[in-house]
């Protein structure tokens, strides 16, 4: 499965240059991991509003770097949480964690994180 829109990433690389491009991607990877942890904590507390806010932020960050699968999943979960359709379940959080891991791994495999 492709988790990334390589056209978006290649366009960013061309526009920003390697140093800025790799720095931005590393920052997003760190944010993804922090946001995932924060989402788990807020879900455990039952704070749907904060979960939705975190998912919205994750969606935006993922979309900005062409991580379309992660952005789409975060958007779906955000919509469900905001509508009251459902609180974040362990299964939803696991799907989010797996998609985040796969996205980061594809960034690494594809060379979009540079040689750090």
N, C-alpha and C. Protein backbone atom coordinates (compact mmCIF):
# COMPACT_ATOMS: atom_id res chain seq x y z
N UNK A 1 0.85 -1.19 0.00
CA UNK A 1 0.00 0.00 0.00
C UNK A 1 0.88 1.24 0.00
N UNK A 2 0.50 2.23 -0.78
CA UNK A 2 1.20 3.51 -0.77
C UNK A 2 0.55 4.43 0.24
N UNK A 3 1.37 4.97 1.12
CA UNK A 3 0.89 5.88 2.14
C UNK A 3 1.18 7.34 1.76
N UNK A 4 2.02 7.53 0.75
CA UNK A 4 2.50 8.87 0.43
C UNK A 4 2.14 9.28 -0.99
N UNK A 5 1.92 10.56 -1.17
CA UNK A 5 1.79 11.13 -2.49
C UNK A 5 3.17 11.67 -2.85
N UNK A 6 3.87 10.91 -3.67
CA UNK A 6 5.26 11.26 -4.01
C UNK A 6 5.33 12.54 -4.83
N UNK A 7 4.29 12.87 -5.58
CA UNK A 7 4.29 14.13 -6.33
C UNK A 7 4.36 15.31 -5.37
N UNK A 8 3.60 15.24 -4.28
CA UNK A 8 3.63 16.31 -3.28
C UNK A 8 5.02 16.39 -2.66
N UNK A 9 5.56 15.25 -2.26
CA UNK A 9 6.88 15.25 -1.63
C UNK A 9 7.97 15.72 -2.58
N UNK A 10 7.93 15.26 -3.82
CA UNK A 10 8.94 15.70 -4.79
C UNK A 10 8.83 17.19 -5.07
N UNK A 11 7.60 17.70 -5.11
CA UNK A 11 7.40 19.14 -5.28
C UNK A 11 7.95 19.94 -4.12
N UNK A 12 7.73 19.44 -2.91
CA UNK A 12 8.28 20.11 -1.73
C UNK A 12 9.80 20.09 -1.75
N UNK A 13 10.37 18.96 -2.12
CA UNK A 13 11.83 18.83 -2.19
C UNK A 13 12.40 19.84 -3.17
N UNK A 14 11.77 19.94 -4.31
CA UNK A 14 12.24 20.89 -5.33
C UNK A 14 12.09 22.33 -4.85
N UNK A 15 10.98 22.64 -4.22
CA UNK A 15 10.71 24.02 -3.79
C UNK A 15 11.57 24.44 -2.60
N UNK A 16 11.82 23.50 -1.68
CA UNK A 16 12.50 23.86 -0.44
C UNK A 16 14.00 23.61 -0.45
N UNK A 17 14.45 22.69 -1.27
CA UNK A 17 15.84 22.25 -1.20
C UNK A 17 15.97 21.16 -0.15
N UNK A 18 17.03 20.38 -0.25
CA UNK A 18 17.18 19.20 0.60
C UNK A 18 17.20 19.51 2.10
N UNK A 19 17.98 20.49 2.52
CA UNK A 19 18.14 20.74 3.96
C UNK A 19 16.79 21.07 4.61
N UNK A 20 16.07 22.01 4.06
CA UNK A 20 14.77 22.39 4.64
C UNK A 20 13.75 21.27 4.50
N UNK A 21 13.75 20.59 3.37
CA UNK A 21 12.82 19.50 3.14
C UNK A 21 13.00 18.40 4.19
N UNK A 22 14.24 17.97 4.39
CA UNK A 22 14.49 16.90 5.36
C UNK A 22 14.19 17.36 6.78
N UNK A 23 14.48 18.60 7.09
CA UNK A 23 14.18 19.12 8.42
C UNK A 23 12.67 19.14 8.67
N UNK A 24 11.91 19.59 7.69
CA UNK A 24 10.45 19.62 7.83
C UNK A 24 9.90 18.21 8.01
N UNK A 25 10.38 17.27 7.23
CA UNK A 25 9.89 15.90 7.36
C UNK A 25 10.25 15.29 8.71
N UNK A 26 11.45 15.56 9.21
CA UNK A 26 11.83 15.06 10.54
C UNK A 26 10.93 15.67 11.61
N UNK A 27 10.64 16.95 11.47
CA UNK A 27 9.76 17.62 12.43
C UNK A 27 8.37 16.99 12.40
N UNK A 28 7.84 16.73 11.22
CA UNK A 28 6.53 16.09 11.12
C UNK A 28 6.53 14.70 11.73
N UNK A 29 7.58 13.94 11.51
CA UNK A 29 7.66 12.59 12.09
C UNK A 29 7.62 12.69 13.62
N UNK A 30 8.38 13.61 14.18
CA UNK A 30 8.37 13.79 15.64
C UNK A 30 6.99 14.22 16.12
N UNK A 31 6.34 15.11 15.37
CA UNK A 31 5.00 15.55 15.74
C UNK A 31 4.00 14.42 15.66
N UNK A 32 4.09 13.60 14.60
CA UNK A 32 3.18 12.46 14.47
C UNK A 32 3.25 11.60 15.72
N UNK A 33 4.46 11.30 16.15
CA UNK A 33 4.65 10.42 17.31
C UNK A 33 4.10 11.06 18.59
N UNK A 34 4.36 12.35 18.77
CA UNK A 34 3.83 13.06 19.95
C UNK A 34 2.31 13.13 19.91
N UNK A 35 1.77 13.42 18.73
CA UNK A 35 0.32 13.54 18.60
C UNK A 35 -0.36 12.19 18.85
N UNK A 36 0.23 11.14 18.38
CA UNK A 36 -0.32 9.81 18.60
C UNK A 36 -0.36 9.50 20.09
N UNK A 37 0.71 9.80 20.79
CA UNK A 37 0.76 9.57 22.24
C UNK A 37 -0.28 10.44 22.97
N UNK A 38 -0.36 11.70 22.58
CA UNK A 38 -1.33 12.61 23.20
C UNK A 38 -2.76 12.14 22.93
N UNK A 39 -3.00 11.65 21.74
CA UNK A 39 -4.34 11.15 21.39
C UNK A 39 -4.70 9.96 22.28
N UNK A 40 -3.76 9.07 22.48
CA UNK A 40 -4.00 7.92 23.37
C UNK A 40 -4.33 8.38 24.80
N UNK A 41 -3.58 9.35 25.29
CA UNK A 41 -3.79 9.85 26.65
C UNK A 41 -5.16 10.51 26.79
N UNK A 42 -5.52 11.33 25.81
CA UNK A 42 -6.82 12.02 25.89
C UNK A 42 -7.98 11.04 25.73
N UNK A 43 -7.81 10.04 24.89
CA UNK A 43 -8.86 9.03 24.74
C UNK A 43 -9.04 8.27 26.05
N UNK A 44 -7.94 7.96 26.72
CA UNK A 44 -8.02 7.26 28.01
C UNK A 44 -8.75 8.11 29.05
N UNK A 45 -8.63 9.43 28.93
CA UNK A 45 -9.32 10.35 29.85
C UNK A 45 -10.76 10.60 29.43
N UNK A 46 -11.10 10.17 28.22
CA UNK A 46 -12.46 10.41 27.72
C UNK A 46 -12.68 11.82 27.20
N UNK A 47 -11.59 12.53 26.86
CA UNK A 47 -11.69 13.90 26.39
C UNK A 47 -11.83 13.92 24.86
N UNK A 48 -13.06 13.78 24.38
CA UNK A 48 -13.33 13.72 22.95
C UNK A 48 -12.96 15.01 22.23
N UNK A 49 -13.20 16.13 22.87
CA UNK A 49 -12.88 17.42 22.26
C UNK A 49 -11.39 17.54 21.97
N UNK A 50 -10.57 17.18 22.94
CA UNK A 50 -9.12 17.25 22.76
C UNK A 50 -8.66 16.20 21.75
N UNK A 51 -9.26 15.03 21.75
CA UNK A 51 -8.93 14.01 20.74
C UNK A 51 -9.21 14.55 19.35
N UNK A 52 -10.34 15.19 19.16
CA UNK A 52 -10.69 15.75 17.86
C UNK A 52 -9.70 16.83 17.44
N UNK A 53 -9.28 17.66 18.38
CA UNK A 53 -8.31 18.71 18.08
C UNK A 53 -6.97 18.10 17.64
N UNK A 54 -6.53 17.08 18.33
CA UNK A 54 -5.27 16.41 17.98
C UNK A 54 -5.38 15.75 16.62
N UNK A 55 -6.49 15.09 16.37
CA UNK A 55 -6.70 14.44 15.06
C UNK A 55 -6.72 15.47 13.94
N UNK A 56 -7.30 16.63 14.20
CA UNK A 56 -7.34 17.69 13.20
C UNK A 56 -5.92 18.16 12.88
N UNK A 57 -5.12 18.33 13.89
CA UNK A 57 -3.73 18.75 13.71
C UNK A 57 -2.93 17.68 12.95
N UNK A 58 -3.13 16.43 13.32
CA UNK A 58 -2.46 15.32 12.65
C UNK A 58 -2.86 15.28 11.17
N UNK A 59 -4.13 15.46 10.91
CA UNK A 59 -4.63 15.48 9.53
C UNK A 59 -3.94 16.57 8.72
N UNK A 60 -3.85 17.76 9.28
CA UNK A 60 -3.21 18.87 8.56
C UNK A 60 -1.74 18.64 8.31
N UNK A 61 -1.02 18.19 9.32
CA UNK A 61 0.40 17.94 9.16
C UNK A 61 0.67 16.85 8.14
N UNK A 62 -0.10 15.79 8.20
CA UNK A 62 0.06 14.69 7.26
C UNK A 62 -0.24 15.15 5.83
N UNK A 63 -1.29 15.91 5.68
CA UNK A 63 -1.65 16.41 4.36
C UNK A 63 -0.59 17.32 3.78
N UNK A 64 0.04 18.12 4.63
CA UNK A 64 1.06 19.05 4.16
C UNK A 64 2.27 18.35 3.56
N UNK A 65 2.57 17.16 4.01
CA UNK A 65 3.74 16.47 3.47
C UNK A 65 3.36 15.32 2.53
N UNK A 66 2.12 15.26 2.14
CA UNK A 66 1.70 14.24 1.18
C UNK A 66 1.44 12.88 1.79
N UNK A 67 1.27 12.81 3.10
CA UNK A 67 0.95 11.53 3.77
C UNK A 67 -0.58 11.36 3.73
N UNK A 68 -1.08 11.07 2.55
CA UNK A 68 -2.51 11.13 2.29
C UNK A 68 -3.31 10.06 3.03
N UNK A 69 -2.77 8.87 3.18
CA UNK A 69 -3.50 7.81 3.88
C UNK A 69 -3.69 8.18 5.34
N UNK A 70 -2.63 8.68 5.97
CA UNK A 70 -2.70 9.10 7.36
C UNK A 70 -3.65 10.29 7.51
N UNK A 71 -3.58 11.24 6.60
CA UNK A 71 -4.47 12.40 6.65
C UNK A 71 -5.93 11.97 6.53
N UNK A 72 -6.21 11.04 5.63
CA UNK A 72 -7.60 10.58 5.43
C UNK A 72 -8.12 9.84 6.66
N UNK A 73 -7.29 9.00 7.26
CA UNK A 73 -7.71 8.28 8.46
C UNK A 73 -7.95 9.25 9.61
N UNK A 74 -7.04 10.19 9.81
CA UNK A 74 -7.21 11.18 10.87
C UNK A 74 -8.49 11.99 10.66
N UNK A 75 -8.79 12.33 9.40
CA UNK A 75 -10.01 13.08 9.10
C UNK A 75 -11.25 12.26 9.43
N UNK A 76 -11.25 11.00 9.06
CA UNK A 76 -12.38 10.12 9.35
C UNK A 76 -12.60 10.00 10.85
N UNK A 77 -11.52 9.76 11.59
CA UNK A 77 -11.64 9.62 13.04
C UNK A 77 -12.07 10.94 13.68
N UNK A 78 -11.52 12.05 13.20
CA UNK A 78 -11.91 13.36 13.74
C UNK A 78 -13.41 13.58 13.55
N UNK A 79 -13.90 13.28 12.35
CA UNK A 79 -15.32 13.47 12.05
C UNK A 79 -16.19 12.61 12.98
N UNK A 80 -15.79 11.36 13.19
CA UNK A 80 -16.55 10.47 14.07
C UNK A 80 -16.57 10.98 15.51
N UNK A 81 -15.42 11.43 15.97
CA UNK A 81 -15.33 11.92 17.35
C UNK A 81 -16.12 13.21 17.52
N UNK A 82 -15.98 14.15 16.58
CA UNK A 82 -16.70 15.44 16.68
C UNK A 82 -18.21 15.27 16.61
N UNK A 83 -18.66 14.32 15.81
CA UNK A 83 -20.10 14.12 15.64
C UNK A 83 -20.72 13.39 16.83
N UNK A 84 -19.88 12.85 17.69
CA UNK A 84 -20.38 12.06 18.80
C UNK A 84 -20.73 10.65 18.37
N UNK A 85 -20.43 10.34 17.12
CA UNK A 85 -20.72 9.01 16.57
C UNK A 85 -19.99 7.94 17.38
N UNK A 86 -18.78 8.29 17.83
CA UNK A 86 -18.05 7.33 18.63
C UNK A 86 -16.88 8.02 19.32
N UNK A 87 -16.52 7.48 20.46
CA UNK A 87 -15.28 7.90 21.11
C UNK A 87 -14.17 7.07 20.47
N UNK A 88 -12.94 7.52 20.64
CA UNK A 88 -11.83 6.75 20.08
C UNK A 88 -11.70 5.43 20.82
N UNK A 89 -11.81 4.36 20.09
CA UNK A 89 -11.68 3.02 20.68
C UNK A 89 -10.24 2.56 20.55
N UNK A 90 -9.91 1.49 21.26
CA UNK A 90 -8.57 0.92 21.14
C UNK A 90 -8.30 0.50 19.69
N UNK A 91 -9.29 -0.03 19.01
CA UNK A 91 -9.12 -0.45 17.61
C UNK A 91 -8.82 0.75 16.71
N UNK A 92 -9.51 1.86 16.94
CA UNK A 92 -9.25 3.07 16.15
C UNK A 92 -7.85 3.59 16.41
N UNK A 93 -7.46 3.61 17.68
CA UNK A 93 -6.13 4.09 18.04
C UNK A 93 -5.05 3.18 17.46
N UNK A 94 -5.31 1.88 17.45
CA UNK A 94 -4.34 0.94 16.87
C UNK A 94 -4.23 1.16 15.37
N UNK A 95 -5.35 1.39 14.69
CA UNK A 95 -5.30 1.68 13.25
C UNK A 95 -4.52 2.96 12.98
N UNK A 96 -4.72 3.96 13.81
CA UNK A 96 -3.98 5.23 13.68
C UNK A 96 -2.49 5.00 13.92
N UNK A 97 -2.16 4.24 14.94
CA UNK A 97 -0.75 3.94 15.25
C UNK A 97 -0.10 3.17 14.10
N UNK A 98 -0.80 2.17 13.58
CA UNK A 98 -0.25 1.37 12.48
C UNK A 98 -0.04 2.22 11.23
N UNK A 99 -1.00 3.05 10.92
CA UNK A 99 -0.88 3.91 9.74
C UNK A 99 0.24 4.91 9.92
N UNK A 100 0.39 5.45 11.12
CA UNK A 100 1.49 6.37 11.40
C UNK A 100 2.83 5.66 11.22
N UNK A 101 2.96 4.47 11.78
CA UNK A 101 4.22 3.71 11.64
C UNK A 101 4.52 3.39 10.18
N UNK A 102 3.52 2.95 9.45
CA UNK A 102 3.73 2.61 8.04
C UNK A 102 4.10 3.85 7.21
N UNK A 103 3.49 4.97 7.54
CA UNK A 103 3.80 6.22 6.84
C UNK A 103 5.25 6.62 7.08
N UNK A 104 5.67 6.59 8.34
CA UNK A 104 7.05 6.94 8.68
C UNK A 104 8.02 5.97 8.02
N UNK A 105 7.69 4.70 8.03
CA UNK A 105 8.56 3.70 7.38
C UNK A 105 8.66 3.96 5.88
N UNK A 106 7.56 4.31 5.25
CA UNK A 106 7.62 4.60 3.81
C UNK A 106 8.44 5.86 3.55
N UNK A 107 8.33 6.86 4.42
CA UNK A 107 9.18 8.05 4.28
C UNK A 107 10.65 7.65 4.33
N UNK A 108 11.00 6.79 5.28
CA UNK A 108 12.39 6.34 5.42
C UNK A 108 12.84 5.54 4.19
N UNK A 109 12.06 4.53 3.83
CA UNK A 109 12.41 3.67 2.69
C UNK A 109 12.56 4.47 1.40
N UNK A 110 11.75 5.49 1.26
CA UNK A 110 11.75 6.27 0.02
C UNK A 110 12.81 7.35 0.01
N UNK A 111 13.54 7.51 1.11
CA UNK A 111 14.61 8.51 1.17
C UNK A 111 14.14 9.91 1.48
N UNK A 112 12.88 10.05 1.90
CA UNK A 112 12.34 11.38 2.17
C UNK A 112 12.71 11.91 3.56
N UNK A 113 13.44 11.13 4.32
CA UNK A 113 13.92 11.60 5.62
C UNK A 113 15.43 11.87 5.60
N UNK A 114 16.05 11.67 4.47
CA UNK A 114 17.48 11.93 4.36
C UNK A 114 18.30 10.90 5.08
N UNK A 115 19.53 11.25 5.36
CA UNK A 115 20.49 10.31 5.97
C UNK A 115 20.79 10.68 7.40
N UNK A 116 19.80 10.78 8.22
CA UNK A 116 20.01 11.08 9.65
C UNK A 116 20.16 9.83 10.42
